[in-house]
Amino acid sequence: MKADLYDLQGKKVKQIDLPDQFKESIRPDLIKRAFLALQSSSRAPYGAYKEAGKRASSYVSKRRRKYKGIYGRGASRAPRKVMTKRGTQFYYIGATVPFAVGGRRAHPPKAEKDWTKKINVNERRKAIRSALSATLNLQLIQARGHKTEKPSFIIDSKFESTNKTKEVKNILLKLGLENELARLQKKTIRSGKGKSRGRKYRTKTGPLLVVSKDCPLLNSSINLPGVSVHKINELNIITLAPGTIPGRLTIFTEEAIQLLEKNKLFTNKKK
């Protein structure tokens, strides 16, 4: 399988051979499984305080001549706490039990619960290879909402040394992604309570830039909305298929492709 290599001016330079990772069949079911497994590992544990609803002193007795008892009053056998007292007469209200106001919960969430989901190593690697193959499928890319007439790009490795956001934007424009960048400029207001929790606006997911090593591009593209940059050896299923949907528009550098083939990343023969 071959792909076109572009320079920083957006012109085709030559064709290069793609590694075998891009020949994997596209498996949306496996991609979704790997996505949910990885996403579950970042879920924070939460739970109720173990003594919640049980810190009040409650008491109940139906026995004859029992002090504080409710024998003969026609009251249910619910635990009660004493609010006021007059002689041998007590004023009770329900406490502790789940159906009482201020009582404990019957089955509260427990902080010790483990939310993580397991997935086999070979399945996870196969899912990543499947997502890599989907980045070359123009129909899937357009179905995700990306505004482009070409599948994912491979660009000259000089792109990694770009240290200004304006230069990164100009290079993306020369690659013909003006409609894609215009799409990312539009932001919508989130529905629901998230507006008051620091996430009022929703931004769309844009191109993924894949580099071979630590480089200036990792910092220079931060301010471009929707655009994210990752090293080739740190790719995961969440960055390649956001929302479990494969086909993200991706721009690889030539060195990243070479490193993918040299180290046999995401394969069972990984070095």
Protein backbone atom coordinates (compact mmCIF):
# COMPACT_ATOMS: atom_id res chain seq x y z
CA MET A 1 0.00 0.00 0.00
CA LYS A 2 1.38 3.38 -1.03
CA ALA A 3 0.60 6.94 0.04
CA ASP A 4 1.54 10.40 -1.18
CA LEU A 5 4.15 12.42 0.69
CA TYR A 6 3.58 16.19 0.83
CA ASP A 7 6.05 18.98 1.55
CA LEU A 8 5.36 22.05 3.69
CA GLN A 9 3.94 23.86 0.65
CA GLY A 10 1.21 21.26 0.18
CA LYS A 11 2.75 19.75 -2.98
CA LYS A 12 3.20 16.05 -3.66
CA VAL A 13 6.86 15.04 -3.50
CA LYS A 14 6.79 11.27 -3.91
CA GLN A 15 5.02 8.11 -2.87
CA ILE A 16 6.11 5.97 0.05
CA ASP A 17 5.17 2.47 1.19
CA LEU A 18 2.95 2.25 4.24
CA PRO A 19 3.76 -0.31 6.95
CA ASP A 20 1.61 -3.38 7.54
CA GLN A 21 -0.20 -1.72 10.46
CA PHE A 22 -2.36 0.14 7.92
CA LYS A 23 -3.51 -3.11 6.27
CA GLU A 24 -5.61 -4.25 9.23
CA SER A 25 -9.33 -4.74 8.65
CA ILE A 26 -11.56 -2.08 10.20
CA ARG A 27 -13.39 -3.48 13.23
CA PRO A 28 -15.75 -0.90 14.83
CA ASP A 29 -16.81 -3.44 17.48
CA LEU A 30 -13.23 -4.04 18.61
CA ILE A 31 -12.45 -0.31 18.54
CA LYS A 32 -15.42 0.37 20.81
CA ARG A 33 -14.40 -2.38 23.22
CA ALA A 34 -10.84 -1.06 23.49
CA PHE A 35 -12.09 2.52 23.85
CA LEU A 36 -14.40 1.69 26.77
CA ALA A 37 -11.69 -0.39 28.45
CA LEU A 38 -9.20 2.48 28.29
CA GLN A 39 -11.78 5.07 29.29
CA SER A 40 -12.81 3.05 32.36
CA SER A 41 -9.28 3.26 33.79
CA SER A 42 -9.63 7.04 34.18
CA ARG A 43 -12.91 6.83 36.09
CA ALA A 44 -12.44 8.15 39.61
CA PRO A 45 -13.77 6.02 42.49
CA TYR A 46 -16.60 7.54 44.47
CA GLY A 47 -18.86 6.43 47.29
CA ALA A 48 -20.94 7.48 50.27
CA TYR A 49 -19.56 8.00 53.75
CA LYS A 50 -19.90 4.64 55.50
CA GLU A 51 -21.52 6.15 58.61
CA ALA A 52 -23.94 8.38 56.70
CA GLY A 53 -27.44 8.06 58.14
CA LYS A 54 -26.22 5.90 61.01
CA ARG A 55 -24.78 8.53 63.32
CA ALA A 56 -28.04 9.17 65.19
CA SER A 57 -28.90 6.98 68.19
CA SER A 58 -32.10 5.04 67.39
CA TYR A 59 -34.01 2.49 69.42
CA VAL A 60 -37.14 0.37 69.18
CA SER A 61 -38.77 -2.15 71.49
CA LYS A 62 -42.17 -3.87 71.44
CA ARG A 63 -41.79 -5.65 74.78
CA ARG A 64 -44.12 -5.10 77.75
CA ARG A 65 -43.10 -2.64 80.44
CA LYS A 66 -39.93 -1.79 78.51
CA TYR A 67 -38.57 1.68 79.13
CA LYS A 68 -38.80 3.77 75.91
CA GLY A 69 -40.91 0.97 74.46
CA ILE A 70 -43.86 1.46 72.09
CA TYR A 71 -45.85 -1.58 73.22
CA GLY A 72 -49.58 -1.07 72.83
CA ARG A 73 -49.34 2.14 70.80
CA GLY A 74 -50.08 0.64 67.41
CA ALA A 75 -46.79 1.87 66.00
CA SER A 76 -44.65 0.02 63.48
CA ARG A 77 -41.39 -1.70 64.38
CA ALA A 78 -39.21 1.00 62.81
CA PRO A 79 -36.16 2.28 64.70
CA ARG A 80 -36.81 5.70 66.23
CA LYS A 81 -34.86 8.40 67.97
CA VAL A 82 -36.24 10.43 70.87
CA MET A 83 -36.83 14.09 70.13
CA THR A 84 -38.62 15.22 73.31
CA LYS A 85 -39.71 13.58 76.56
CA ARG A 86 -42.33 14.30 79.22
CA GLY A 87 -42.25 11.93 82.14
CA THR A 88 -42.59 8.45 80.68
CA GLN A 89 -43.98 9.78 77.40
CA PHE A 90 -41.58 10.13 74.44
CA TYR A 91 -41.90 11.82 71.08
CA TYR A 92 -40.12 9.72 68.47
CA ILE A 93 -39.28 10.12 64.80
CA GLY A 94 -37.98 7.43 62.47
CA ALA A 95 -34.20 7.12 62.05
CA THR A 96 -31.42 4.94 60.62
CA VAL A 97 -33.56 2.80 58.27
CA PRO A 98 -33.61 3.63 54.53
CA PHE A 99 -37.29 4.66 54.45
CA ALA A 100 -36.84 7.23 57.24
CA VAL A 101 -35.95 10.86 56.61
CA GLY A 102 -32.22 11.25 57.23
CA GLY A 103 -31.69 7.48 57.32
CA ARG A 104 -29.01 5.46 55.56
CA ARG A 105 -29.23 4.41 51.93
CA ALA A 106 -30.11 0.81 51.20
CA HIS A 107 -27.38 0.26 48.60
CA PRO A 108 -25.09 3.31 48.43
CA PRO A 109 -22.22 3.58 45.91
CA LYS A 110 -19.06 2.15 47.43
CA ALA A 111 -15.63 3.72 47.00
CA GLU A 112 -13.92 0.34 46.93
CA LYS A 113 -15.69 -0.70 43.72
CA ASP A 114 -13.30 -1.25 40.81
CA TRP A 115 -14.65 0.32 37.59
CA THR A 116 -11.79 -0.73 35.31
CA LYS A 117 -12.45 -3.11 32.44
CA LYS A 118 -9.89 -5.56 31.14
CA ILE A 119 -8.88 -6.17 27.54
CA ASN A 120 -6.28 -8.51 26.11
CA VAL A 121 -3.03 -6.94 24.89
CA ASN A 122 -3.41 -8.45 21.42
CA GLU A 123 -6.98 -7.15 21.18
CA ARG A 124 -5.89 -3.65 22.17
CA ARG A 125 -3.09 -3.62 19.59
CA LYS A 126 -5.42 -4.96 16.92
CA ALA A 127 -7.93 -2.20 17.75
CA ILE A 128 -5.22 0.45 17.32
CA ARG A 129 -4.16 -1.03 13.98
CA SER A 130 -7.79 -1.07 12.91
CA ALA A 131 -8.13 2.61 13.86
CA LEU A 132 -4.96 3.39 11.90
CA SER A 133 -6.46 1.72 8.82
CA ALA A 134 -9.62 3.80 9.27
CA THR A 135 -7.58 7.01 9.00
CA LEU A 136 -7.05 6.19 5.30
CA ASN A 137 -10.74 5.62 4.57
CA LEU A 138 -12.17 8.83 3.11
CA GLN A 139 -15.79 7.77 3.61
CA LEU A 140 -15.27 7.17 7.33
CA ILE A 141 -13.37 10.45 7.68
CA GLN A 142 -16.19 12.42 6.05
CA ALA A 143 -18.80 10.50 8.06
CA ARG A 144 -17.13 11.79 11.24
CA GLY A 145 -17.78 15.32 9.99
CA HIS A 146 -14.31 16.29 8.75
CA LYS A 147 -14.38 18.73 5.83
CA THR A 148 -11.78 17.28 3.46
CA GLU A 149 -11.61 15.74 0.01
CA LYS A 150 -8.50 13.69 0.75
CA PRO A 151 -7.79 10.97 3.32
CA SER A 152 -5.13 11.41 5.97
CA PHE A 153 -1.84 13.02 4.95
CA ILE A 154 1.84 12.15 5.28
CA ILE A 155 4.00 15.25 5.43
CA ASP A 156 7.69 16.04 5.42
CA SER A 157 9.41 15.63 8.80
CA LYS A 158 10.41 19.31 8.78
CA PHE A 159 6.84 19.91 9.97
CA GLU A 160 7.95 18.78 13.46
CA SER A 161 10.29 21.77 13.83
CA THR A 162 7.50 24.33 13.33
CA ASN A 163 7.55 26.51 16.45
CA LYS A 164 4.83 29.08 15.73
CA THR A 165 1.09 28.55 15.76
CA LYS A 166 0.63 30.82 12.75
CA GLU A 167 3.06 28.70 10.72
CA VAL A 168 1.23 25.49 11.68
CA LYS A 169 -2.06 27.03 10.58
CA ASN A 170 -0.60 28.16 7.26
CA ILE A 171 0.75 24.67 6.53
CA LEU A 172 -2.67 23.14 7.25
CA LEU A 173 -4.24 25.67 4.90
CA LYS A 174 -1.77 24.74 2.15
CA LEU A 175 -2.79 21.10 2.59
CA GLY A 176 -6.35 22.13 1.67
CA LEU A 177 -7.87 22.07 5.14
CA GLU A 178 -9.38 25.57 5.12
CA ASN A 179 -12.93 24.20 5.43
CA GLU A 180 -11.85 21.94 8.28
CA LEU A 181 -10.27 24.81 10.21
CA ALA A 182 -13.34 26.95 9.60
CA ARG A 183 -15.50 24.14 11.02
CA LEU A 184 -13.40 24.08 14.19
CA GLN A 185 -13.87 27.81 14.78
CA LYS A 186 -17.57 27.32 15.47
CA LYS A 187 -18.35 26.44 19.08
CA THR A 188 -21.74 25.60 20.52
CA ILE A 189 -23.15 26.10 23.99
CA ARG A 190 -23.49 22.87 25.93
CA SER A 191 -26.94 21.80 27.04
CA GLY A 192 -27.52 20.91 30.67
CA LYS A 193 -25.78 21.76 33.92
CA GLY A 194 -22.30 21.58 32.43
CA LYS A 195 -22.60 25.26 31.51
CA SER A 196 -22.17 26.19 35.19
CA ARG A 197 -19.38 23.69 35.78
CA GLY A 198 -16.60 25.23 33.73
CA ARG A 199 -17.44 23.62 30.37
CA LYS A 200 -19.93 25.98 28.80
CA TYR A 201 -18.76 25.54 25.20
CA ARG A 202 -18.33 22.40 23.13
CA THR A 203 -15.55 22.34 20.52
CA LYS A 204 -15.40 19.89 17.65
CA THR A 205 -12.66 17.32 17.21
CA GLY A 206 -10.22 18.30 14.47
CA PRO A 207 -7.11 16.80 12.86
CA LEU A 208 -4.64 14.65 14.77
CA LEU A 209 -0.96 15.43 14.19
CA VAL A 210 1.38 12.47 14.75
CA VAL A 211 5.09 13.14 15.27
CA SER A 212 8.07 10.88 15.90
CA LYS A 213 9.63 12.49 18.99
CA ASP A 214 9.55 15.49 21.32
CA CYS A 215 9.56 18.54 19.08
CA PRO A 216 8.42 22.21 18.96
CA LEU A 217 5.20 21.19 17.20
CA LEU A 218 3.90 19.69 20.45
CA ASN A 219 3.65 23.20 21.91
CA SER A 220 3.06 25.35 18.83
CA SER A 221 -0.25 23.69 17.95
CA ILE A 222 -1.85 23.88 21.41
CA ASN A 223 -3.84 27.04 20.63
CA LEU A 224 -5.47 25.62 17.50
CA PRO A 225 -8.99 24.53 18.56
CA GLY A 226 -9.74 20.86 18.00
CA VAL A 227 -6.18 20.03 16.87
CA SER A 228 -4.13 17.62 19.01
CA VAL A 229 -0.55 16.36 18.68
CA HIS A 230 0.81 13.00 19.87
CA LYS A 231 3.98 11.01 19.46
CA ILE A 232 3.64 7.86 17.39
CA ASN A 233 4.58 5.55 20.27
CA GLU A 234 1.99 7.18 22.56
CA LEU A 235 -1.02 6.78 20.30
CA ASN A 236 -4.08 5.17 21.84
CA ILE A 237 -7.59 4.33 20.76
CA ILE A 238 -9.09 7.46 22.35
CA THR A 239 -6.98 9.80 20.22
CA LEU A 240 -7.42 7.77 17.01
CA ALA A 241 -11.17 7.14 17.38
CA PRO A 242 -12.76 9.75 19.68
CA GLY A 243 -16.17 8.70 20.92
CA THR A 244 -15.56 5.12 19.66
CA ILE A 245 -16.05 6.37 16.06
CA PRO A 246 -13.12 5.48 13.74
CA GLY A 247 -11.90 7.63 10.87
CA ARG A 248 -10.23 10.66 12.43
CA LEU A 249 -8.41 12.95 10.00
CA THR A 250 -4.72 12.35 10.77
CA ILE A 251 -1.49 13.92 9.55
CA PHE A 252 1.63 11.76 9.98
CA THR A 253 5.18 12.95 9.57
CA GLU A 254 7.52 10.83 7.46
CA GLU A 255 9.72 9.98 10.46
CA ALA A 256 6.66 8.85 12.42
CA ILE A 257 5.78 6.38 9.65
CA GLN A 258 9.38 5.13 9.56
CA LEU A 259 9.39 4.68 13.33
CA LEU A 260 6.08 2.81 13.16
CA GLU A 261 7.61 0.32 10.72
CA LYS A 262 11.03 0.07 12.32
CA ASN A 263 9.84 -0.66 15.87
CA LYS A 264 6.80 -2.67 14.72
CA LEU A 265 4.57 -0.64 17.02
CA PHE A 266 1.14 -2.00 17.96
CA THR A 267 1.96 -5.46 16.62
CA ASN A 268 2.58 -8.77 18.38
CA LYS A 269 6.22 -8.55 17.26
CA LYS A 270 6.77 -5.19 18.95
CA LYS A 271 10.42 -4.55 19.82
